[in-house]
Amino acid sequence: MTTNSKQRITLFINPTIAKQAKVQAVVEGLSLTNLVEKALIQYLPNEIVIKKATGSD
């Protein structure tokens, strides 16, 4: 993903988690967006494989 291609999203998360994330972003010298992107990149698999379910027809 290039730095110019961003998508705005709305999330509803626990206020305590949001506060911790904001503080951690400051500690790491990142924006909250960059911190969340970094966390998602580490969490998500490198490759997503979606298989079509086989029905029992």
Protein backbone atom coordinates (compact mmCIF):
# COMPACT_ATOMS: atom_id res chain seq x y z
CA MET A 1 0.00 0.00 0.00
CA THR A 2 1.37 3.38 -0.91
CA THR A 3 1.26 6.19 1.61
CA ASN A 4 -1.21 8.11 -0.57
CA SER A 5 -3.79 5.34 -0.74
CA LYS A 6 -5.69 5.37 2.52
CA GLN A 7 -9.28 4.49 3.37
CA ARG A 8 -11.20 6.13 6.17
CA ILE A 9 -12.95 3.69 8.50
CA THR A 10 -15.01 4.03 11.66
CA LEU A 11 -14.44 1.64 14.55
CA PHE A 12 -16.17 1.28 17.88
CA ILE A 13 -13.67 0.08 20.48
CA ASN A 14 -13.34 0.09 24.23
CA PRO A 15 -12.33 3.61 25.40
CA THR A 16 -9.56 2.19 27.59
CA ILE A 17 -8.00 0.43 24.59
CA ALA A 18 -8.28 3.61 22.53
CA LYS A 19 -6.53 5.60 25.27
CA GLN A 20 -3.75 3.00 25.58
CA ALA A 21 -3.27 3.00 21.81
CA LYS A 22 -3.00 6.80 21.70
CA VAL A 23 -0.42 6.79 24.50
CA GLN A 24 1.57 3.99 22.84
CA ALA A 25 1.54 5.89 19.55
CA VAL A 26 3.06 8.92 21.31
CA VAL A 27 5.68 6.72 23.03
CA GLU A 28 6.66 5.20 19.66
CA GLY A 29 6.54 8.55 17.86
CA LEU A 30 3.80 7.33 15.52
CA SER A 31 0.39 8.56 14.55
CA LEU A 32 -2.52 6.50 15.82
CA THR A 33 -3.17 5.46 12.22
CA ASN A 34 0.38 4.17 11.81
CA LEU A 35 0.24 2.31 15.14
CA VAL A 36 -3.01 0.56 14.18
CA GLU A 37 -1.66 -0.29 10.71
CA LYS A 38 1.50 -1.71 12.28
CA ALA A 39 -0.54 -3.83 14.70
CA LEU A 40 -2.81 -5.13 11.94
CA ILE A 41 0.14 -6.00 9.70
CA GLN A 42 1.66 -8.03 12.53
CA TYR A 43 -1.66 -9.72 13.33
CA LEU A 44 -2.92 -10.57 9.86
CA PRO A 45 -1.49 -13.47 7.83
CA ASN A 46 0.83 -12.66 4.93
CA GLU A 47 -1.49 -14.38 2.48
CA ILE A 48 -5.24 -14.76 2.63
CA VAL A 49 -6.66 -17.87 1.03
CA ILE A 50 -10.42 -18.12 0.66
CA LYS A 51 -11.71 -21.51 -0.39
CA LYS A 52 -15.16 -22.07 -1.78
CA ALA A 53 -17.14 -24.44 0.39
CA THR A 54 -18.09 -27.65 -1.31
CA GLY A 55 -21.76 -28.42 -0.92
CA SER A 56 -23.15 -31.91 -0.49
CA ASP A 57 -25.56 -31.86 -3.44
